[in-house]
Every structure is written in C-alpha cells, then in structure tokens.
Amino acid sequence: MGAVTVKPERRVFEGVGVRIVGDVVGDPSAQPVLLMHGGGQTRHSWSAATMELGRRGYHAISIDLRGHGDSDWAPGGAYDLSNYRDDVLKVIDTLPAAPVMVGASLGGMTGMLVIGETAAPVAKGLVLVDITPRVEPEGVRRIHEFMTGNLDGFESLEQVADAISAYNPHRPRPKRLDGLMKNLRERNGRFFWHWDPAMLNRPENDMSGRWTRVDEAAVNIRVPTMLVKGSESDIVSNETVAHMRELMPHADFADISGAGHMVAGDRNDAFNSAIFSFLEKNGL
C-alpha cells in the first residue's frame, strides 16, 4: 500500500442507546482497522498509530468506548462487557468490509468477545495489546487504585502529570502538559478524567464467571491474532501468556522491550513496527 496524505475526521456512530465518537483516517475503500482503547483512556491513545495507518493506506477508525472521551456516558451505568461488545458490533455494521481489530486492555477484551461470541465473520484479524484472557490480579488492583485515586479531580495539570508518573514511573514526564487535556475535562477550575466514574461501580462479584466467558470466546477465535505485550507489564505475565497459548495456539506474540501496560504510549515506534509486520504477514 502506498503512502497517502491523511487528516483525521471526527465521526459519530450509533451504539446501543449511546453515541460513539471516533476519529477516522484514510481511504474509506481501503482495509478498515478498528482501534479500541483501554479502560480510562480515550481514542487519542492511538493518535500516532491511527495517523500511521492512514499514511500506509489503511482506513483507520479509532473510537471512544461508551463512557469514555467524547462518547456518551451510559444510562444507568450500563458498563458490562456485553454493552461494549454490542456497541462495537454496531460500529462494524457501518463499515464496508470486516476490519482488523486492535484493542488494548478493555478494548482487547471487547474485541475477543466481539469475534468469539459472534457466529458471523465480523473481523479479519485481531491484535491484543497487553491483554490476555486471564490477567494478573495485582496489576488490575493498581489500575483500579489509579482510577479511583482522584475522583474529586486535580487542582492543576502538574498534579495530573504527577499522578501519571507515579503509575508509570518508567515513562518520561511530558514536557508540554497541555496535551493531557485530551484525557481531561475542566469543571469549576478543577481537572477530571474524561470518563464516567460509574464504570467503577459495576459489581465484580463473579470474576470466575467473567474469565470463563472470555476463555470460551477466545477458543472460538480463528482469525489471525497477535498479542503485543509490554515487557514491564504487571497485567500480562508468562503465566497468562501460557494460558492464552493453550486457548489460541495460532496466535503470534510480540514482546515490546521497555514498555509497560500502556504499550503504544510507552514505545510507539516498536508498537507500530509489530502491528505492520503482523498485517503484512497475514496479507491484511
């Protein structure tokens, strides 16, 4: 595919009872690549990858999942995995061809359910970014603590940067803090994360059932699949990778040195290289 000039276009999709906002880049007639961020993030997590996909001739669609970014907050706090899955299926219905799905953390979990629980062939490939059907509980605990740590907001962007640095100490502190506003909302002089706190209220009293469900979906995935793992991740471990290999023996693996759970943000060039190698290998 040849390089093309691209400019992101904001687009609104209809989910199930919510509007889903996305950035669309590239030729609409080209192979679609649908990017889904992790919990507590927004579509801007993929900005560099989205633009590179467009430059390489793909049709890239990066969406805000329900309750995140510019997408609607869910009425009644409807943030079950099935809600995310059904929204994404409606987005896919608008595309001229089945996409390659790229999902980080929550987005990757959603991608596994979209493909593994749908009888129709809804995707041509799947890239899981630092997420496996089972995850390490300690890493999940750290994410939950980070997301619940400042629900009353921040006084300044400096405080926001401090919180991010405390969670991701290996990532350089940004030199310009105004870029953080893509993930924030300002209200009454304070800065709040750009997601619905009601996401954290969903009961998780049957985690064993949740993981069994994702296992069953993963077994049904037959499309080309790759796991891109951060070498410093506390979410994906050698044990969870081994479990995934049992369920999805056809999957490829890429380990990104020096990256944590936020692989694309930590090592974007290496992440992009892994993605494009996967697409080329599978003729996508």
C-alpha atoms as a PDB file:
ATOM      1  CA  MET A   1       0.000   0.000   0.000  1.00  0.00           C
ATOM      2  CA  GLY A   2       1.310   3.408  -0.879  1.00  0.00           C
ATOM      3  CA  ALA A   3       1.652   6.382   1.432  1.00  0.00           C
ATOM      4  CA  VAL A   4      -1.172   8.923   1.367  1.00  0.00           C
ATOM      5  CA  THR A   5      -1.828  12.300   2.929  1.00  0.00           C
ATOM      6  CA  VAL A   6      -4.253  11.944   5.800  1.00  0.00           C
ATOM      7  CA  LYS A   7      -6.250  14.168   8.102  1.00  0.00           C
ATOM      8  CA  PRO A   8      -8.420  12.835  10.959  1.00  0.00           C
ATOM      9  CA  GLU A   9     -12.160  13.314  10.640  1.00  0.00           C
ATOM     10  CA  ARG A  10     -14.448  13.218  13.682  1.00  0.00           C
ATOM     11  CA  ARG A  11     -17.367  10.858  13.193  1.00  0.00           C
ATOM     12  CA  VAL A  12     -20.327   9.843  15.350  1.00  0.00           C
ATOM     13  CA  PHE A  13     -21.565   6.241  15.309  1.00  0.00           C
ATOM     14  CA  GLU A  14     -24.731   4.893  16.897  1.00  0.00           C
ATOM     15  CA  GLY A  15     -24.081   2.368  19.638  1.00  0.00           C
ATOM     16  CA  VAL A  16     -26.783   0.689  21.706  1.00  0.00           C
ATOM     17  CA  GLY A  17     -28.515   3.645  23.341  1.00  0.00           C
ATOM     18  CA  VAL A  18     -25.357   5.784  23.222  1.00  0.00           C
ATOM     19  CA  ARG A  19     -23.419   7.781  20.646  1.00  0.00           C
ATOM     20  CA  ILE A  20     -19.907   6.524  19.934  1.00  0.00           C
ATOM     21  CA  VAL A  21     -17.408   9.171  18.779  1.00  0.00           C
ATOM     22  CA  GLY A  22     -14.415   8.257  16.664  1.00  0.00           C
ATOM     23  CA  ASP A  23     -11.581   9.655  14.573  1.00  0.00           C
ATOM     24  CA  VAL A  24     -11.462   8.306  11.024  1.00  0.00           C
ATOM     25  CA  VAL A  25      -8.357   8.482   8.856  1.00  0.00           C
ATOM     26  CA  GLY A  26      -7.549   7.270   5.342  1.00  0.00           C
ATOM     27  CA  ASP A  27      -9.346   5.934   2.284  1.00  0.00           C
ATOM     28  CA  PRO A  28     -12.820   4.555   3.193  1.00  0.00           C
ATOM     29  CA  SER A  29     -12.451   1.904   0.481  1.00  0.00           C
ATOM     30  CA  ALA A  30      -9.231   0.521   1.997  1.00  0.00           C
ATOM     31  CA  GLN A  31      -8.920  -2.247   4.593  1.00  0.00           C
ATOM     32  CA  PRO A  32     -10.503  -0.970   7.830  1.00  0.00           C
ATOM     33  CA  VAL A  33      -8.565  -1.142  11.092  1.00  0.00           C
ATOM     34  CA  LEU A  34     -10.693  -0.519  14.185  1.00  0.00           C
ATOM     35  CA  LEU A  35      -8.794   0.651  17.277  1.00  0.00           C
ATOM     36  CA  MET A  36     -10.249   0.371  20.793  1.00  0.00           C
ATOM     37  CA  HIS A  37      -8.506   1.906  23.801  1.00  0.00           C
ATOM     38  CA  GLY A  38      -8.161   0.593  27.345  1.00  0.00           C
ATOM     39  CA  GLY A  39     -10.312   1.426  30.364  1.00  0.00           C
ATOM     40  CA  GLY A  40      -9.936   5.029  31.484  1.00  0.00           C
ATOM     41  CA  GLN A  41      -8.288   6.042  28.194  1.00  0.00           C
ATOM     42  CA  THR A  42      -9.673   7.696  25.058  1.00  0.00           C
ATOM     43  CA  ARG A  43      -9.313   7.347  21.301  1.00  0.00           C
ATOM     44  CA  HIS A  44      -6.392   9.779  21.489  1.00  0.00           C
ATOM     45  CA  SER A  45      -4.285   6.961  22.964  1.00  0.00           C
ATOM     46  CA  TRP A  46      -3.973   5.749  19.368  1.00  0.00           C
ATOM     47  CA  SER A  47      -3.278   9.109  17.698  1.00  0.00           C
ATOM     48  CA  ALA A  48       0.153   8.227  16.321  1.00  0.00           C
ATOM     49  CA  ALA A  49      -0.853   4.708  15.264  1.00  0.00           C
ATOM     50  CA  THR A  50      -4.040   5.978  13.623  1.00  0.00           C
ATOM     51  CA  MET A  51      -2.153   8.519  11.537  1.00  0.00           C
ATOM     52  CA  GLU A  52       0.482   5.958  10.532  1.00  0.00           C
ATOM     53  CA  LEU A  53      -2.215   3.512   9.454  1.00  0.00           C
ATOM     54  CA  GLY A  54      -3.709   6.225   7.256  1.00  0.00           C
ATOM     55  CA  ARG A  55      -0.322   7.095   5.784  1.00  0.00           C
ATOM     56  CA  ARG A  56       0.212   3.452   4.872  1.00  0.00           C
ATOM     57  CA  GLY A  57      -3.083   3.253   3.018  1.00  0.00           C
ATOM     58  CA  TYR A  58      -5.409   1.746   5.610  1.00  0.00           C
ATOM     59  CA  HIS A  59      -8.797   3.062   6.715  1.00  0.00           C
ATOM     60  CA  ALA A  60      -8.267   3.632  10.452  1.00  0.00           C
ATOM     61  CA  ILE A  61     -11.157   4.120  12.876  1.00  0.00           C
ATOM     62  CA  SER A  62     -10.259   4.943  16.489  1.00  0.00           C
ATOM     63  CA  ILE A  63     -13.287   5.105  18.787  1.00  0.00           C
ATOM     64  CA  ASP A  64     -14.080   6.249  22.300  1.00  0.00           C
ATOM     65  CA  LEU A  65     -15.807   3.360  24.050  1.00  0.00           C
ATOM     66  CA  ARG A  66     -19.051   4.183  25.887  1.00  0.00           C
ATOM     67  CA  GLY A  67     -18.401   6.250  28.998  1.00  0.00           C
ATOM     68  CA  HIS A  68     -15.022   7.447  27.683  1.00  0.00           C
ATOM     69  CA  GLY A  69     -13.827  10.573  25.924  1.00  0.00           C
ATOM     70  CA  ASP A  70     -16.475  12.227  23.765  1.00  0.00           C
ATOM     71  CA  SER A  71     -18.779   9.200  23.603  1.00  0.00           C
ATOM     72  CA  ASP A  72     -21.941   9.216  25.684  1.00  0.00           C
ATOM     73  CA  TRP A  73     -21.992   8.088  29.279  1.00  0.00           C
ATOM     74  CA  ALA A  74     -24.209   5.026  29.583  1.00  0.00           C
ATOM     75  CA  PRO A  75     -27.693   5.496  31.084  1.00  0.00           C
ATOM     76  CA  GLY A  76     -27.998   3.584  34.334  1.00  0.00           C
ATOM     77  CA  GLY A  77     -24.296   2.795  34.436  1.00  0.00           C
ATOM     78  CA  ALA A  78     -24.540   0.069  31.761  1.00  0.00           C
ATOM     79  CA  TYR A  79     -20.866  -0.900  31.504  1.00  0.00           C
ATOM     80  CA  ASP A  80     -20.951  -4.664  31.249  1.00  0.00           C
ATOM     81  CA  LEU A  81     -18.623  -6.273  28.728  1.00  0.00           C
ATOM     82  CA  SER A  82     -21.714  -7.123  26.669  1.00  0.00           C
ATOM     83  CA  ASN A  83     -22.527  -3.409  26.383  1.00  0.00           C
ATOM     84  CA  TYR A  84     -19.095  -2.636  24.945  1.00  0.00           C
ATOM     85  CA  ARG A  85     -19.334  -5.640  22.619  1.00  0.00           C
ATOM     86  CA  ASP A  86     -22.737  -4.633  21.251  1.00  0.00           C
ATOM     87  CA  ASP A  87     -21.652  -1.028  20.633  1.00  0.00           C
ATOM     88  CA  VAL A  88     -18.634  -2.214  18.653  1.00  0.00           C
ATOM     89  CA  LEU A  89     -20.757  -4.603  16.591  1.00  0.00           C
ATOM     90  CA  LYS A  90     -22.957  -1.661  15.579  1.00  0.00           C
ATOM     91  CA  VAL A  91     -19.860   0.333  14.564  1.00  0.00           C
ATOM     92  CA  ILE A  92     -18.636  -2.622  12.490  1.00  0.00           C
ATOM     93  CA  ASP A  93     -22.027  -2.764  10.753  1.00  0.00           C
ATOM     94  CA  THR A  94     -21.315   0.686   9.277  1.00  0.00           C
ATOM     95  CA  LEU A  95     -18.006  -0.360   7.703  1.00  0.00           C
ATOM     96  CA  PRO A  96     -17.802  -1.507   4.070  1.00  0.00           C
ATOM     97  CA  ALA A  97     -15.634  -4.510   4.990  1.00  0.00           C
ATOM     98  CA  ALA A  98     -14.733  -6.558   8.045  1.00  0.00           C
ATOM     99  CA  PRO A  99     -11.991  -4.755   9.981  1.00  0.00           C
ATOM    100  CA  VAL A 100      -8.804  -5.817  11.648  1.00  0.00           C
ATOM    101  CA  MET A 101      -9.485  -5.099  15.319  1.00  0.00           C
ATOM    102  CA  VAL A 102      -6.799  -3.631  17.581  1.00  0.00           C
ATOM    103  CA  GLY A 103      -7.708  -3.493  21.266  1.00  0.00           C
ATOM    104  CA  ALA A 104      -5.769  -2.517  24.369  1.00  0.00           C
ATOM    105  CA  SER A 105      -6.814  -3.893  27.759  1.00  0.00           C
ATOM    106  CA  LEU A 106     -10.604  -3.289  27.957  1.00  0.00           C
ATOM    107  CA  GLY A 107     -10.645  -2.748  24.188  1.00  0.00           C
ATOM    108  CA  GLY A 108      -8.880  -6.067  23.627  1.00  0.00           C
ATOM    109  CA  MET A 109     -11.248  -7.879  25.975  1.00  0.00           C
ATOM    110  CA  THR A 110     -14.114  -6.366  23.999  1.00  0.00           C
ATOM    111  CA  GLY A 111     -12.509  -7.490  20.748  1.00  0.00           C
ATOM    112  CA  MET A 112     -12.271 -11.092  21.961  1.00  0.00           C
ATOM    113  CA  LEU A 113     -15.986 -11.104  22.786  1.00  0.00           C
ATOM    114  CA  VAL A 114     -16.953  -9.406  19.506  1.00  0.00           C
ATOM    115  CA  ILE A 115     -15.201 -12.092  17.460  1.00  0.00           C
ATOM    116  CA  GLY A 116     -15.545 -15.106  19.748  1.00  0.00           C
ATOM    117  CA  GLU A 117     -19.243 -14.656  20.558  1.00  0.00           C
ATOM    118  CA  THR A 118     -20.468 -13.763  17.065  1.00  0.00           C
ATOM    119  CA  ALA A 119     -21.199 -16.524  14.588  1.00  0.00           C
ATOM    120  CA  ALA A 120     -20.802 -14.273  11.553  1.00  0.00           C
ATOM    121  CA  PRO A 121     -17.273 -13.370  10.370  1.00  0.00           C
ATOM    122  CA  VAL A 122     -17.113  -9.829  11.768  1.00  0.00           C
ATOM    123  CA  ALA A 123     -13.320  -9.285  11.653  1.00  0.00           C
ATOM    124  CA  LYS A 124     -10.325 -10.287   9.556  1.00  0.00           C
ATOM    125  CA  GLY A 125      -7.769 -10.142  12.329  1.00  0.00           C
ATOM    126  CA  LEU A 126      -7.236  -9.290  15.986  1.00  0.00           C
ATOM    127  CA  VAL A 127      -4.364  -7.534  17.751  1.00  0.00           C
ATOM    128  CA  LEU A 128      -4.482  -7.724  21.549  1.00  0.00           C
ATOM    129  CA  VAL A 129      -2.402  -5.022  23.220  1.00  0.00           C
ATOM    130  CA  ASP A 130      -1.218  -6.171  26.643  1.00  0.00           C
ATOM    131  CA  ILE A 131      -4.341  -8.166  27.413  1.00  0.00           C
ATOM    132  CA  THR A 132      -4.870 -11.925  27.658  1.00  0.00           C
ATOM    133  CA  PRO A 133      -7.989 -13.924  28.539  1.00  0.00           C
ATOM    134  CA  ARG A 134      -6.709 -14.090  32.143  1.00  0.00           C
ATOM    135  CA  VAL A 135      -4.778 -11.242  33.778  1.00  0.00           C
ATOM    136  CA  GLU A 136      -2.694 -10.691  36.901  1.00  0.00           C
ATOM    137  CA  PRO A 137      -4.861  -9.527  39.850  1.00  0.00           C
ATOM    138  CA  GLU A 138      -2.146  -7.287  41.271  1.00  0.00           C
ATOM    139  CA  GLY A 139      -1.905  -5.342  38.031  1.00  0.00           C
ATOM    140  CA  VAL A 140      -5.691  -4.933  37.949  1.00  0.00           C
ATOM    141  CA  ARG A 141      -5.570  -3.673  41.549  1.00  0.00           C
ATOM    142  CA  ARG A 142      -3.015  -0.996  40.609  1.00  0.00           C
ATOM    143  CA  ILE A 143      -5.178   0.210  37.718  1.00  0.00           C
ATOM    144  CA  HIS A 144      -8.228   0.380  39.971  1.00  0.00           C
ATOM    145  CA  GLU A 145      -6.300   2.364  42.580  1.00  0.00           C
ATOM    146  CA  PHE A 146      -5.082   4.784  39.914  1.00  0.00           C
ATOM    147  CA  MET A 147      -8.583   5.302  38.515  1.00  0.00           C
ATOM    148  CA  THR A 148     -10.185   5.803  41.940  1.00  0.00           C
ATOM    149  CA  GLY A 149      -7.360   7.893  43.388  1.00  0.00           C
ATOM    150  CA  ASN A 150      -8.561  11.325  42.259  1.00  0.00           C
ATOM    151  CA  LEU A 151     -12.284  11.145  41.640  1.00  0.00           C
ATOM    152  CA  ASP A 152     -12.584  14.630  43.142  1.00  0.00           C
ATOM    153  CA  GLY A 153     -10.333  15.987  40.387  1.00  0.00           C
ATOM    154  CA  PHE A 154      -6.981  17.767  40.260  1.00  0.00           C
ATOM    155  CA  GLU A 155      -6.086  21.355  41.011  1.00  0.00           C
ATOM    156  CA  SER A 156      -3.610  21.617  38.133  1.00  0.00           C
ATOM    157  CA  LEU A 157      -2.144  19.797  35.143  1.00  0.00           C
ATOM    158  CA  GLU A 158       1.031  19.388  37.195  1.00  0.00           C
ATOM    159  CA  GLN A 159      -0.923  17.240  39.642  1.00  0.00           C
ATOM    160  CA  VAL A 160      -2.265  15.178  36.755  1.00  0.00           C
ATOM    161  CA  ALA A 161       1.263  14.635  35.443  1.00  0.00           C
ATOM    162  CA  ASP A 162       2.402  13.647  38.947  1.00  0.00           C
ATOM    163  CA  ALA A 163      -0.341  11.004  39.180  1.00  0.00           C
ATOM    164  CA  ILE A 164       0.557   9.561  35.778  1.00  0.00           C
ATOM    165  CA  SER A 165       4.263   9.497  36.641  1.00  0.00           C
ATOM    166  CA  ALA A 166       3.524   7.684  39.899  1.00  0.00           C
ATOM    167  CA  TYR A 167       1.624   4.992  37.989  1.00  0.00           C
ATOM    168  CA  ASN A 168       4.078   4.866  35.051  1.00  0.00           C
ATOM    169  CA  PRO A 169       7.469   5.734  36.568  1.00  0.00           C
ATOM    170  CA  HIS A 170       9.341   4.350  33.550  1.00  0.00           C
ATOM    171  CA  ARG A 171       7.650   6.775  31.138  1.00  0.00           C
ATOM    172  CA  PRO A 172       9.269  10.239  30.727  1.00  0.00           C
ATOM    173  CA  ARG A 173       7.190  13.074  32.134  1.00  0.00           C
ATOM    174  CA  PRO A 174       5.669  15.092  29.245  1.00  0.00           C
ATOM    175  CA  LYS A 175       7.432  18.380  28.514  1.00  0.00           C
ATOM    176  CA  ARG A 176       4.170  20.033  27.466  1.00  0.00           C
ATOM    177  CA  LEU A 177       1.279  19.413  29.827  1.00  0.00           C
ATOM    178  CA  ASP A 178      -1.459  20.856  27.595  1.00  0.00           C
ATOM    179  CA  GLY A 179      -1.561  17.561  25.693  1.00  0.00           C
ATOM    180  CA  LEU A 180      -3.056  15.976  28.818  1.00  0.00           C
ATOM    181  CA  MET A 181      -6.286  17.859  28.163  1.00  0.00           C
ATOM    182  CA  LYS A 182      -7.268  15.230  25.578  1.00  0.00           C
ATOM    183  CA  ASN A 183      -7.922  12.927  28.530  1.00  0.00           C
ATOM    184  CA  LEU A 184      -9.421  15.518  30.890  1.00  0.00           C
ATOM    185  CA  ARG A 185     -12.466  17.702  31.430  1.00  0.00           C
ATOM    186  CA  GLU A 186     -12.247  21.032  33.236  1.00  0.00           C
ATOM    187  CA  ARG A 187     -15.101  21.894  35.584  1.00  0.00           C
ATOM    188  CA  ASN A 188     -15.172  24.699  38.134  1.00  0.00           C
ATOM    189  CA  GLY A 189     -11.436  25.186  37.930  1.00  0.00           C
ATOM    190  CA  ARG A 190     -10.583  21.507  38.507  1.00  0.00           C
ATOM    191  CA  PHE A 191      -9.492  18.802  36.088  1.00  0.00           C
ATOM    192  CA  PHE A 192     -11.309  15.461  35.906  1.00  0.00           C
ATOM    193  CA  TRP A 193     -10.564  12.321  33.914  1.00  0.00           C
ATOM    194  CA  HIS A 194     -12.523  12.105  30.660  1.00  0.00           C
ATOM    195  CA  TRP A 195     -14.558   9.023  31.649  1.00  0.00           C
ATOM    196  CA  ASP A 196     -17.660   8.171  33.649  1.00  0.00           C
ATOM    197  CA  PRO A 197     -16.906   7.240  37.301  1.00  0.00           C
ATOM    198  CA  ALA A 198     -19.967   4.977  37.199  1.00  0.00           C
ATOM    199  CA  MET A 199     -17.788   2.462  35.321  1.00  0.00           C
ATOM    200  CA  LEU A 200     -16.160   1.667  38.647  1.00  0.00           C
ATOM    201  CA  ASN A 201     -19.475   0.858  40.333  1.00  0.00           C
ATOM    202  CA  ARG A 202     -20.215  -2.290  38.359  1.00  0.00           C
ATOM    203  CA  PRO A 203     -20.238  -5.304  40.705  1.00  0.00           C
ATOM    204  CA  GLU A 204     -17.435  -7.774  40.077  1.00  0.00           C
ATOM    205  CA  ASN A 205     -18.600 -10.475  42.468  1.00  0.00           C
ATOM    206  CA  ASP A 206     -18.405 -13.232  39.844  1.00  0.00           C
ATOM    207  CA  MET A 207     -14.974 -12.744  38.340  1.00  0.00           C
ATOM    208  CA  SER A 208     -14.595 -16.508  37.788  1.00  0.00           C
ATOM    209  CA  GLY A 209     -17.663 -16.409  35.553  1.00  0.00           C
ATOM    210  CA  ARG A 210     -16.281 -13.426  33.674  1.00  0.00           C
ATOM    211  CA  TRP A 211     -12.965 -15.137  32.971  1.00  0.00           C
ATOM    212  CA  THR A 212     -14.694 -18.362  31.945  1.00  0.00           C
ATOM    213  CA  ARG A 213     -16.704 -16.349  29.441  1.00  0.00           C
ATOM    214  CA  VAL A 214     -13.604 -14.744  27.921  1.00  0.00           C
ATOM    215  CA  ASP A 215     -11.876 -18.161  27.779  1.00  0.00           C
ATOM    216  CA  GLU A 216     -14.823 -19.571  25.849  1.00  0.00           C
ATOM    217  CA  ALA A 217     -14.763 -16.638  23.439  1.00  0.00           C
ATOM    218  CA  ALA A 218     -11.001 -16.941  22.907  1.00  0.00           C
ATOM    219  CA  VAL A 219     -11.290 -20.602  21.932  1.00  0.00           C
ATOM    220  CA  ASN A 220     -13.703 -19.616  19.152  1.00  0.00           C
ATOM    221  CA  ILE A 221     -11.351 -17.052  17.573  1.00  0.00           C
ATOM    222  CA  ARG A 222      -9.925 -18.376  14.311  1.00  0.00           C
ATOM    223  CA  VAL A 223      -8.809 -15.175  12.573  1.00  0.00           C
ATOM    224  CA  PRO A 224      -5.118 -14.191  12.531  1.00  0.00           C
ATOM    225  CA  THR A 225      -4.300 -12.959  16.027  1.00  0.00           C
ATOM    226  CA  MET A 226      -1.322 -11.347  17.732  1.00  0.00           C
ATOM    227  CA  LEU A 227      -0.582 -10.386  21.315  1.00  0.00           C
ATOM    228  CA  VAL A 228       1.623  -7.313  21.729  1.00  0.00           C
ATOM    229  CA  LYS A 229       2.942  -7.463  25.293  1.00  0.00           C
ATOM    230  CA  GLY A 230       4.854  -4.847  27.242  1.00  0.00           C
ATOM    231  CA  SER A 231       7.947  -6.422  28.782  1.00  0.00           C
ATOM    232  CA  GLU A 232       7.381  -4.456  32.008  1.00  0.00           C
ATOM    233  CA  SER A 233       3.642  -5.178  32.183  1.00  0.00           C
ATOM    234  CA  ASP A 234       2.095  -6.151  35.512  1.00  0.00           C
ATOM    235  CA  ILE A 235      -1.146  -7.172  33.772  1.00  0.00           C
ATOM    236  CA  VAL A 236       0.186  -9.816  31.365  1.00  0.00           C
ATOM    237  CA  SER A 237       2.671 -12.364  32.710  1.00  0.00           C
ATOM    238  CA  ASN A 238       4.392 -15.503  31.438  1.00  0.00           C
ATOM    239  CA  GLU A 239       1.625 -17.486  33.119  1.00  0.00           C
ATOM    240  CA  THR A 240      -1.221 -15.606  31.436  1.00  0.00           C
ATOM    241  CA  VAL A 241       0.583 -15.856  28.088  1.00  0.00           C
ATOM    242  CA  ALA A 242       0.929 -19.633  28.545  1.00  0.00           C
ATOM    243  CA  HIS A 243      -2.803 -19.835  29.259  1.00  0.00           C
ATOM    244  CA  MET A 244      -3.549 -17.839  26.109  1.00  0.00           C
ATOM    245  CA  ARG A 245      -1.316 -20.146  24.040  1.00  0.00           C
ATOM    246  CA  GLU A 246      -3.442 -23.085  25.154  1.00  0.00           C
ATOM    247  CA  LEU A 247      -6.635 -21.351  24.075  1.00  0.00           C
ATOM    248  CA  MET A 248      -5.302 -19.697  20.916  1.00  0.00           C
ATOM    249  CA  PRO A 249      -2.355 -21.756  19.627  1.00  0.00           C
ATOM    250  CA  HIS A 250      -2.427 -19.936  16.288  1.00  0.00           C
ATOM    251  CA  ALA A 251      -1.663 -16.525  17.835  1.00  0.00           C
ATOM    252  CA  ASP A 252       1.591 -14.668  17.234  1.00  0.00           C
ATOM    253  CA  PHE A 253       3.389 -12.827  20.016  1.00  0.00           C
ATOM    254  CA  ALA A 254       5.480  -9.654  20.161  1.00  0.00           C
ATOM    255  CA  ASP A 255       7.247  -8.538  23.336  1.00  0.00           C
ATOM    256  CA  ILE A 256       7.998  -4.810  23.384  1.00  0.00           C
ATOM    257  CA  SER A 257      11.096  -4.099  25.451  1.00  0.00           C
ATOM    258  CA  GLY A 258      10.854  -1.222  27.907  1.00  0.00           C
ATOM    259  CA  ALA A 259       7.059  -0.918  27.640  1.00  0.00           C
ATOM    260  CA  GLY A 260       4.548  -1.350  30.430  1.00  0.00           C
ATOM    261  CA  HIS A 261       0.807  -1.916  30.166  1.00  0.00           C
ATOM    262  CA  MET A 262       0.392   1.229  28.021  1.00  0.00           C
ATOM    263  CA  VAL A 263       2.423  -0.236  25.171  1.00  0.00           C
ATOM    264  CA  ALA A 264       1.525   2.210  22.393  1.00  0.00           C
ATOM    265  CA  GLY A 265       2.280   5.230  24.586  1.00  0.00           C
ATOM    266  CA  ASP A 266       5.496   3.796  26.020  1.00  0.00           C
ATOM    267  CA  ARG A 267       7.122   2.552  22.790  1.00  0.00           C
ATOM    268  CA  ASN A 268       5.056   3.778  19.860  1.00  0.00           C
ATOM    269  CA  ASP A 269       7.635   3.081  17.137  1.00  0.00           C
ATOM    270  CA  ALA A 270       8.165  -0.512  18.295  1.00  0.00           C
ATOM    271  CA  PHE A 271       4.419  -0.962  18.668  1.00  0.00           C
ATOM    272  CA  ASN A 272       3.764   0.285  15.129  1.00  0.00           C
ATOM    273  CA  SER A 273       6.502  -1.980  13.768  1.00  0.00           C
ATOM    274  CA  ALA A 274       4.870  -5.023  15.366  1.00  0.00           C
ATOM    275  CA  ILE A 275       1.431  -4.085  14.038  1.00  0.00           C
ATOM    276  CA  PHE A 276       2.563  -3.561  10.460  1.00  0.00           C
ATOM    277  CA  SER A 277       4.633  -6.750  10.456  1.00  0.00           C
ATOM    278  CA  PHE A 278       1.511  -8.638  11.520  1.00  0.00           C
ATOM    279  CA  LEU A 279      -0.646  -7.008   8.839  1.00  0.00           C
ATOM    280  CA  GLU A 280       1.914  -7.701   6.127  1.00  0.00           C
ATOM    281  CA  LYS A 281       2.476 -11.306   7.221  1.00  0.00           C
ATOM    282  CA  ASN A 282      -1.244 -12.053   7.002  1.00  0.00           C
ATOM    283  CA  GLY A 283      -1.892 -10.123   3.796  1.00  0.00           C
ATOM    284  CA  LEU A 284      -4.181  -7.651   5.543  1.00  0.00           C
END
